[in-house]
C-alpha cells in the first residue's frame, strides 16, 4: 500500500522518525492503529447513546439548549477557578 502525504506532513513524519529512532512506516502503522481504535470506541459510544435514546432511557435535547447548558457549566467552572 502506498500513502501520499503533503510536504509538511512528510517533513513532520521524518522529524518524528529521527527523534524516536523508528521508521516512518512503523510510525504510520501505529498512528493508523490508534486512529482505528479510537474510531471503534467512538462508534461504540454513539451506538450506546443512540440505543439509550431509542429505548427511552435518555431524552435528546435541542442543540441550542445543549449549547446553553455547556456555556453555563463552563462559566460556572471558570468562576470556581
PDB file of N, CA and C in Angstrom:
ATOM      1  N   UNK A   1       0.848  -1.170   0.000  1.00  0.00           N
ATOM      2  CA  UNK A   1       0.000   0.000   0.000  1.00  0.00           C
ATOM      3  C   UNK A   1       0.897   1.236   0.000  1.00  0.00           C
ATOM      4  N   UNK A   2       0.467   2.229  -0.711  1.00  0.00           N
ATOM      5  CA  UNK A   2       1.196   3.482  -0.784  1.00  0.00           C
ATOM      6  C   UNK A   2       0.368   4.583  -0.151  1.00  0.00           C
ATOM      7  N   UNK A   3       1.043   5.465   0.575  1.00  0.00           N
ATOM      8  CA  UNK A   3       0.371   6.585   1.220  1.00  0.00           C
ATOM      9  C   UNK A   3       1.016   7.866   0.714  1.00  0.00           C
ATOM     10  N   UNK A   4       0.200   8.796   0.260  1.00  0.00           N
ATOM     11  CA  UNK A   4       0.715  10.086  -0.199  1.00  0.00           C
ATOM     12  C   UNK A   4       0.486  11.120   0.892  1.00  0.00           C
ATOM     13  N   UNK A   5       1.547  11.849   1.231  1.00  0.00           N
ATOM     14  CA  UNK A   5       1.462  12.886   2.248  1.00  0.00           C
ATOM     15  C   UNK A   5       1.868  14.213   1.640  1.00  0.00           C
ATOM     16  N   UNK A   6       1.244  15.294   2.133  1.00  0.00           N
ATOM     17  CA  UNK A   6       1.694  16.600   1.662  1.00  0.00           C
ATOM     18  C   UNK A   6       3.088  16.865   2.249  1.00  0.00           C
ATOM     19  N   UNK A   7       3.756  17.848   1.732  1.00  0.00           N
ATOM     20  CA  UNK A   7       5.146  18.106   2.102  1.00  0.00           C
ATOM     21  C   UNK A   7       5.313  18.374   3.597  1.00  0.00           C
ATOM     22  N   UNK A   8       4.416  19.158   4.168  1.00  0.00           N
ATOM     23  CA  UNK A   8       4.505  19.499   5.585  1.00  0.00           C
ATOM     24  C   UNK A   8       4.378  18.247   6.454  1.00  0.00           C
ATOM     25  N   UNK A   9       3.397  17.411   6.143  1.00  0.00           N
ATOM     26  CA  UNK A   9       3.183  16.192   6.919  1.00  0.00           C
ATOM     27  C   UNK A   9       4.352  15.210   6.740  1.00  0.00           C
ATOM     28  N   UNK A  10       4.869  15.118   5.543  1.00  0.00           N
ATOM     29  CA  UNK A  10       6.015  14.248   5.290  1.00  0.00           C
ATOM     30  C   UNK A  10       7.231  14.723   6.086  1.00  0.00           C
ATOM     31  N   UNK A  11       7.428  16.037   6.162  1.00  0.00           N
ATOM     32  CA  UNK A  11       8.534  16.586   6.950  1.00  0.00           C
ATOM     33  C   UNK A  11       8.367  16.274   8.431  1.00  0.00           C
ATOM     34  N   UNK A  12       7.152  16.441   8.923  1.00  0.00           N
ATOM     35  CA  UNK A  12       6.885  16.143  10.336  1.00  0.00           C
ATOM     36  C   UNK A  12       7.099  14.668  10.632  1.00  0.00           C
ATOM     37  N   UNK A  13       6.689  13.816   9.709  1.00  0.00           N
ATOM     38  CA  UNK A  13       6.896  12.377   9.880  1.00  0.00           C
ATOM     39  C   UNK A  13       8.389  12.058   9.945  1.00  0.00           C
ATOM     40  N   UNK A  14       9.158  12.652   9.071  1.00  0.00           N
ATOM     41  CA  UNK A  14      10.603  12.419   9.071  1.00  0.00           C
ATOM     42  C   UNK A  14      11.240  12.918  10.363  1.00  0.00           C
ATOM     43  N   UNK A  15      10.773  14.051  10.872  1.00  0.00           N
ATOM     44  CA  UNK A  15      11.296  14.583  12.133  1.00  0.00           C
ATOM     45  C   UNK A  15      11.009  13.626  13.291  1.00  0.00           C
ATOM     46  N   UNK A  16       9.770  13.110  13.337  1.00  0.00           N
ATOM     47  CA  UNK A  16       9.410  12.161  14.393  1.00  0.00           C
ATOM     48  C   UNK A  16      10.215  10.871  14.266  1.00  0.00           C
ATOM     49  N   UNK A  17      10.404  10.437  13.066  1.00  0.00           N
ATOM     50  CA  UNK A  17      11.198   9.224  12.847  1.00  0.00           C
ATOM     51  C   UNK A  17      12.626   9.436  13.359  1.00  0.00           C
ATOM     52  N   UNK A  18      13.198  10.595  13.076  1.00  0.00           N
ATOM     53  CA  UNK A  18      14.557  10.893  13.529  1.00  0.00           C
ATOM     54  C   UNK A  18      14.618  11.006  15.056  1.00  0.00           C
ATOM     55  N   UNK A  19      13.618  11.654  15.658  1.00  0.00           N
ATOM     56  CA  UNK A  19      13.602  11.824  17.119  1.00  0.00           C
ATOM     57  C   UNK A  19      13.418  10.504  17.849  1.00  0.00           C
ATOM     58  N   UNK A  20      12.589   9.624  17.304  1.00  0.00           N
ATOM     59  CA  UNK A  20      12.246   8.392  18.010  1.00  0.00           C
ATOM     60  C   UNK A  20      13.111   7.208  17.611  1.00  0.00           C
ATOM     61  N   UNK A  21      13.784   7.321  16.491  1.00  0.00           N
ATOM     62  CA  UNK A  21      14.575   6.191  16.010  1.00  0.00           C
ATOM     63  C   UNK A  21      13.734   5.096  15.383  1.00  0.00           C
ATOM     64  N   UNK A  22      12.489   5.395  15.125  1.00  0.00           N
ATOM     65  CA  UNK A  22      11.578   4.437  14.494  1.00  0.00           C
ATOM     66  C   UNK A  22      11.404   4.838  13.036  1.00  0.00           C
ATOM     67  N   UNK A  23      11.115   3.858  12.216  1.00  0.00           N
ATOM     68  CA  UNK A  23      10.929   4.135  10.805  1.00  0.00           C
ATOM     69  C   UNK A  23       9.603   4.819  10.527  1.00  0.00           C
ATOM     70  N   UNK A  24       9.545   5.602   9.456  1.00  0.00           N
ATOM     71  CA  UNK A  24       8.289   6.265   9.098  1.00  0.00           C
ATOM     72  C   UNK A  24       7.136   5.280   8.917  1.00  0.00           C
ATOM     73  N   UNK A  25       7.409   4.125   8.315  1.00  0.00           N
ATOM     74  CA  UNK A  25       6.345   3.126   8.103  1.00  0.00           C
ATOM     75  C   UNK A  25       5.771   2.643   9.429  1.00  0.00           C
ATOM     76  N   UNK A  26       6.659   2.444  10.416  1.00  0.00           N
ATOM     77  CA  UNK A  26       6.211   1.991  11.737  1.00  0.00           C
ATOM     78  C   UNK A  26       5.370   3.062  12.425  1.00  0.00           C
ATOM     79  N   UNK A  27       5.797   4.318  12.309  1.00  0.00           N
ATOM     80  CA  UNK A  27       5.029   5.413  12.899  1.00  0.00           C
ATOM     81  C   UNK A  27       3.649   5.533  12.263  1.00  0.00           C
ATOM     82  N   UNK A  28       3.600   5.406  10.949  1.00  0.00           N
ATOM     83  CA  UNK A  28       2.307   5.487  10.258  1.00  0.00           C
ATOM     84  C   UNK A  28       1.415   4.325  10.676  1.00  0.00           C
ATOM     85  N   UNK A  29       1.971   3.120  10.762  1.00  0.00           N
ATOM     86  CA  UNK A  29       1.184   1.952  11.170  1.00  0.00           C
ATOM     87  C   UNK A  29       0.628   2.150  12.575  1.00  0.00           C
ATOM     88  N   UNK A  30       1.452   2.644  13.505  1.00  0.00           N
ATOM     89  CA  UNK A  30       0.983   2.891  14.867  1.00  0.00           C
ATOM     90  C   UNK A  30      -0.101   3.970  14.895  1.00  0.00           C
ATOM     91  N   UNK A  31       0.107   5.021  14.126  1.00  0.00           N
ATOM     92  CA  UNK A  31      -0.878   6.105  14.086  1.00  0.00           C
ATOM     93  C   UNK A  31      -2.215   5.610  13.539  1.00  0.00           C
ATOM     94  N   UNK A  32      -2.165   4.819  12.497  1.00  0.00           N
ATOM     95  CA  UNK A  32      -3.407   4.294  11.906  1.00  0.00           C
ATOM     96  C   UNK A  32      -4.098   3.322  12.866  1.00  0.00           C
ATOM     97  N   UNK A  33      -3.310   2.480  13.547  1.00  0.00           N
ATOM     98  CA  UNK A  33      -3.902   1.552  14.514  1.00  0.00           C
ATOM     99  C   UNK A  33      -4.600   2.330  15.623  1.00  0.00           C
ATOM    100  N   UNK A  34      -3.944   3.374  16.124  1.00  0.00           N
ATOM    101  CA  UNK A  34      -4.555   4.205  17.156  1.00  0.00           C
ATOM    102  C   UNK A  34      -5.798   4.908  16.659  1.00  0.00           C
ATOM    103  N   UNK A  35      -5.763   5.370  15.435  1.00  0.00           N
ATOM    104  CA  UNK A  35      -6.918   6.044  14.847  1.00  0.00           C
ATOM    105  C   UNK A  35      -8.113   5.096  14.777  1.00  0.00           C
ATOM    106  N   UNK A  36      -7.884   3.878  14.301  1.00  0.00           N
ATOM    107  CA  UNK A  36      -8.993   2.932  14.166  1.00  0.00           C
ATOM    108  C   UNK A  36      -9.515   2.458  15.520  1.00  0.00           C
ATOM    109  N   UNK A  37      -8.642   2.359  16.525  1.00  0.00           N
ATOM    110  CA  UNK A  37      -9.105   2.026  17.873  1.00  0.00           C
ATOM    111  C   UNK A  37     -10.007   3.122  18.409  1.00  0.00           C
ATOM    112  N   UNK A  38      -9.581   4.363  18.234  1.00  0.00           N
ATOM    113  CA  UNK A  38     -10.385   5.497  18.690  1.00  0.00           C
ATOM    114  C   UNK A  38     -11.700   5.581  17.919  1.00  0.00           C
ATOM    115  N   UNK A  39     -11.655   5.322  16.637  1.00  0.00           N
ATOM    116  CA  UNK A  39     -12.864   5.326  15.821  1.00  0.00           C
ATOM    117  C   UNK A  39     -13.842   4.253  16.303  1.00  0.00           C
ATOM    118  N   UNK A  40     -13.339   3.078  16.649  1.00  0.00           N
ATOM    119  CA  UNK A  40     -14.194   1.999  17.157  1.00  0.00           C
ATOM    120  C   UNK A  40     -14.820   2.403  18.494  1.00  0.00           C
ATOM    121  N   UNK A  41     -14.037   3.017  19.389  1.00  0.00           N
ATOM    122  CA  UNK A  41     -14.588   3.469  20.682  1.00  0.00           C
ATOM    123  C   UNK A  41     -15.658   4.534  20.472  1.00  0.00           C
ATOM    124  N   UNK A  42     -15.416   5.443  19.546  1.00  0.00           N
ATOM    125  CA  UNK A  42     -16.397   6.487  19.256  1.00  0.00           C
ATOM    126  C   UNK A  42     -17.678   5.882  18.709  1.00  0.00           C
ATOM    127  N   UNK A  43     -17.527   4.919  17.805  1.00  0.00           N
ATOM    128  CA  UNK A  43     -18.705   4.250  17.236  1.00  0.00           C
ATOM    129  C   UNK A  43     -19.505   3.533  18.319  1.00  0.00           C
ATOM    130  N   UNK A  44     -18.815   2.858  19.239  1.00  0.00           N
ATOM    131  CA  UNK A  44     -19.490   2.173  20.346  1.00  0.00           C
ATOM    132  C   UNK A  44     -20.239   3.165  21.223  1.00  0.00           C
ATOM    133  N   UNK A  45     -19.610   4.301  21.522  1.00  0.00           N
ATOM    134  CA  UNK A  45     -20.249   5.325  22.331  1.00  0.00           C
ATOM    135  C   UNK A  45     -21.491   5.870  21.638  1.00  0.00           C
ATOM    136  N   UNK A  46     -21.377   6.184  20.362  1.00  0.00           N
ATOM    137  CA  UNK A  46     -22.527   6.704  19.619  1.00  0.00           C
ATOM    138  C   UNK A  46     -23.646   5.671  19.549  1.00  0.00           C
ATOM    139  N   UNK A  47     -23.296   4.410  19.301  1.00  0.00           N
ATOM    140  CA  UNK A  47     -24.305   3.358  19.257  1.00  0.00           C
ATOM    141  C   UNK A  47     -25.013   3.229  20.603  1.00  0.00           C
ATOM    142  N   UNK A  48     -24.239   3.292  21.686  1.00  0.00           N
ATOM    143  CA  UNK A  48     -24.807   3.190  23.028  1.00  0.00           C
ATOM    144  C   UNK A  48     -25.753   4.349  23.312  1.00  0.00           C
ATOM    145  N   UNK A  49     -25.322   5.552  22.953  1.00  0.00           N
ATOM    146  CA  UNK A  49     -26.176   6.731  23.178  1.00  0.00           C
ATOM    147  C   UNK A  49     -27.458   6.640  22.347  1.00  0.00           C
ATOM    148  N   UNK A  50     -27.319   6.181  21.107  1.00  0.00           N
ATOM    149  CA  UNK A  50     -28.489   6.045  20.243  1.00  0.00           C
ATOM    150  C   UNK A  50     -29.457   5.017  20.822  1.00  0.00           C
ATOM    151  N   UNK A  51     -28.924   3.893  21.312  1.00  0.00           N
ATOM    152  CA  UNK A  51     -29.771   2.861  21.920  1.00  0.00           C
ATOM    153  C   UNK A  51     -30.482   3.399  23.159  1.00  0.00           C
ATOM    154  N   UNK A  52     -29.784   4.244  23.945  1.00  0.00           N
ATOM    155  CA  UNK A  52     -30.412   4.835  25.126  1.00  0.00           C
ATOM    156  C   UNK A  52     -31.571   5.735  24.737  1.00  0.00           C
ATOM    157  N   UNK A  53     -31.409   6.477  23.675  1.00  0.00           N
ATOM    158  CA  UNK A  53     -32.495   7.340  23.208  1.00  0.00           C
ATOM    159  C   UNK A  53     -33.641   6.493  22.667  1.00  0.00           C
ATOM    160  N   UNK A  54     -33.317   5.488  21.870  1.00  0.00           N
ATOM    161  CA  UNK A  54     -34.350   4.638  21.279  1.00  0.00           C
ATOM    162  C   UNK A  54     -35.148   3.886  22.351  1.00  0.00           C
ATOM    163  N   UNK A  55     -34.480   3.477  23.430  1.00  0.00           N
ATOM    164  CA  UNK A  55     -35.160   2.705  24.473  1.00  0.00           C
ATOM    165  C   UNK A  55     -35.888   3.587  25.474  1.00  0.00           C
ATOM    166  N   UNK A  56     -35.677   4.896  25.387  1.00  0.00           N
ATOM    167  CA  UNK A  56     -36.325   5.816  26.310  1.00  0.00           C
ATOM    168  C   UNK A  56     -35.544   6.055  27.595  1.00  0.00           C
ATOM    169  N   UNK A  57     -34.353   5.473  27.732  1.00  0.00           N
ATOM    170  CA  UNK A  57     -33.526   5.687  28.922  1.00  0.00           C
ATOM    171  C   UNK A  57     -32.967   7.102  28.962  1.00  0.00           C
ATOM    172  N   UNK A  58     -32.857   7.722  27.825  1.00  0.00           N
ATOM    173  CA  UNK A  58     -32.350   9.094  27.732  1.00  0.00           C
ATOM    174  C   UNK A  58     -33.214   9.850  26.739  1.00  0.00           C
ATOM    175  N   UNK A  59     -33.292  11.164  26.944  1.00  0.00           N
ATOM    176  CA  UNK A  59     -34.061  12.007  26.030  1.00  0.00           C
ATOM    177  C   UNK A  59     -33.134  12.974  25.315  1.00  0.00           C
ATOM    178  N   UNK A  60     -33.299  13.107  24.014  1.00  0.00           N
ATOM    179  CA  UNK A  60     -32.469  14.071  23.291  1.00  0.00           C
ATOM    180  C   UNK A  60     -32.867  15.492  23.675  1.00  0.00           C
ATOM    181  N   UNK A  61     -31.905  16.416  23.566  1.00  0.00           N
ATOM    182  CA  UNK A  61     -32.216  17.818  23.806  1.00  0.00           C
ATOM    183  C   UNK A  61     -31.846  18.609  22.561  1.00  0.00           C
ATOM    184  N   UNK A  62     -32.478  19.735  22.421  1.00  0.00           N
ATOM    185  CA  UNK A  62     -32.264  20.626  21.297  1.00  0.00           C
ATOM    186  C   UNK A  62     -30.816  21.122  21.305  1.00  0.00           C
ATOM    187  N   UNK A  63     -30.252  21.328  20.139  1.00  0.00           N
ATOM    188  CA  UNK A  63     -28.879  21.797  20.024  1.00  0.00           C
ATOM    189  C   UNK A  63     -28.649  23.131  20.710  1.00  0.00           C
ATOM    190  N   UNK A  64     -29.585  24.058  20.574  1.00  0.00           N
ATOM    191  CA  UNK A  64     -29.444  25.361  21.235  1.00  0.00           C
ATOM    192  C   UNK A  64     -29.453  25.200  22.754  1.00  0.00           C
ATOM    193  N   UNK A  65     -30.293  24.303  23.244  1.00  0.00           N
ATOM    194  CA  UNK A  65     -30.356  24.039  24.677  1.00  0.00           C
ATOM    195  C   UNK A  65     -29.055  23.402  25.158  1.00  0.00           C
ATOM    196  N   UNK A  66     -28.508  22.478  24.376  1.00  0.00           N
ATOM    197  CA  UNK A  66     -27.244  21.838  24.734  1.00  0.00           C
ATOM    198  C   UNK A  66     -26.132  22.875  24.808  1.00  0.00           C
ATOM    199  N   UNK A  67     -26.078  23.782  23.861  1.00  0.00           N
ATOM    200  CA  UNK A  67     -25.061  24.833  23.860  1.00  0.00           C
ATOM    201  C   UNK A  67     -25.222  25.743  25.073  1.00  0.00           C
ATOM    202  N   UNK A  68     -26.444  26.094  25.396  1.00  0.00           N
ATOM    203  CA  UNK A  68     -26.707  26.942  26.565  1.00  0.00           C
ATOM    204  C   UNK A  68     -26.219  26.260  27.839  1.00  0.00           C
ATOM    205  N   UNK A  69     -26.531  24.971  27.998  1.00  0.00           N
ATOM    206  CA  UNK A  69     -26.098  24.225  29.179  1.00  0.00           C
ATOM    207  C   UNK A  69     -24.582  24.122  29.254  1.00  0.00           C
ATOM    208  N   UNK A  70     -23.949  23.904  28.125  1.00  0.00           N
ATOM    209  CA  UNK A  70     -22.494  23.817  28.087  1.00  0.00           C
ATOM    210  C   UNK A  70     -21.864  25.147  28.500  1.00  0.00           C
ATOM    211  N   UNK A  71     -22.402  26.239  27.993  1.00  0.00           N
ATOM    212  CA  UNK A  71     -21.883  27.556  28.359  1.00  0.00           C
ATOM    213  C   UNK A  71     -22.073  27.825  29.847  1.00  0.00           C
ATOM    214  N   UNK A  72     -23.221  27.427  30.400  1.00  0.00           N
ATOM    215  CA  UNK A  72     -23.463  27.603  31.833  1.00  0.00           C
ATOM    216  C   UNK A  72     -22.429  26.845  32.653  1.00  0.00           C
ATOM    217  N   UNK A  73     -22.182  25.610  32.297  1.00  0.00           N
ATOM    218  CA  UNK A  73     -21.211  24.790  33.023  1.00  0.00           C
ATOM    219  C   UNK A  73     -19.803  25.374  32.903  1.00  0.00           C
ATOM    220  N   UNK A  74     -19.444  25.819  31.722  1.00  0.00           N
ATOM    221  CA  UNK A  74     -18.130  26.404  31.504  1.00  0.00           C
ATOM    222  C   UNK A  74     -17.967  27.662  32.340  1.00  0.00           C
ATOM    223  N   UNK A  75     -18.982  28.524  32.332  1.00  0.00           N
ATOM    224  CA  UNK A  75     -18.928  29.752  33.119  1.00  0.00           C
ATOM    225  C   UNK A  75     -18.814  29.443  34.623  1.00  0.00           C
ATOM    226  N   UNK A  76     -19.554  28.447  35.084  1.00  0.00           N
ATOM    227  CA  UNK A  76     -19.502  28.065  36.497  1.00  0.00           C
ATOM    228  C   UNK A  76     -18.114  27.545  36.869  1.00  0.00           C
ATOM    229  N   UNK A  77     -17.505  26.771  36.007  1.00  0.00           N
ATOM    230  CA  UNK A  77     -16.154  26.264  36.267  1.00  0.00           C
ATOM    231  C   UNK A  77     -15.145  27.403  36.304  1.00  0.00           C
ATOM    232  N   UNK A  78     -15.281  28.355  35.423  1.00  0.00           N
ATOM    233  CA  UNK A  78     -14.366  29.498  35.390  1.00  0.00           C
ATOM    234  C   UNK A  78     -14.490  30.345  36.647  1.00  0.00           C
ATOM    235  N   UNK A  79     -15.715  30.476  37.168  1.00  0.00           N
ATOM    236  CA  UNK A  79     -15.915  31.259  38.376  1.00  0.00           C
ATOM    237  C   UNK A  79     -15.278  30.564  39.579  1.00  0.00           C
ATOM    238  N   UNK A  80     -15.282  29.227  39.582  1.00  0.00           N
ATOM    239  CA  UNK A  80     -14.675  28.461  40.685  1.00  0.00           C
ATOM    240  C   UNK A  80     -13.161  28.515  40.658  1.00  0.00           C
ATOM    241  N   UNK A  81     -12.596  28.703  39.478  1.00  0.00           N
ATOM    242  CA  UNK A  81     -11.124  28.656  39.342  1.00  0.00           C
ATOM    243  C   UNK A  81     -10.445  29.903  39.811  1.00  0.00           C
TER     244      UNK A  81
END
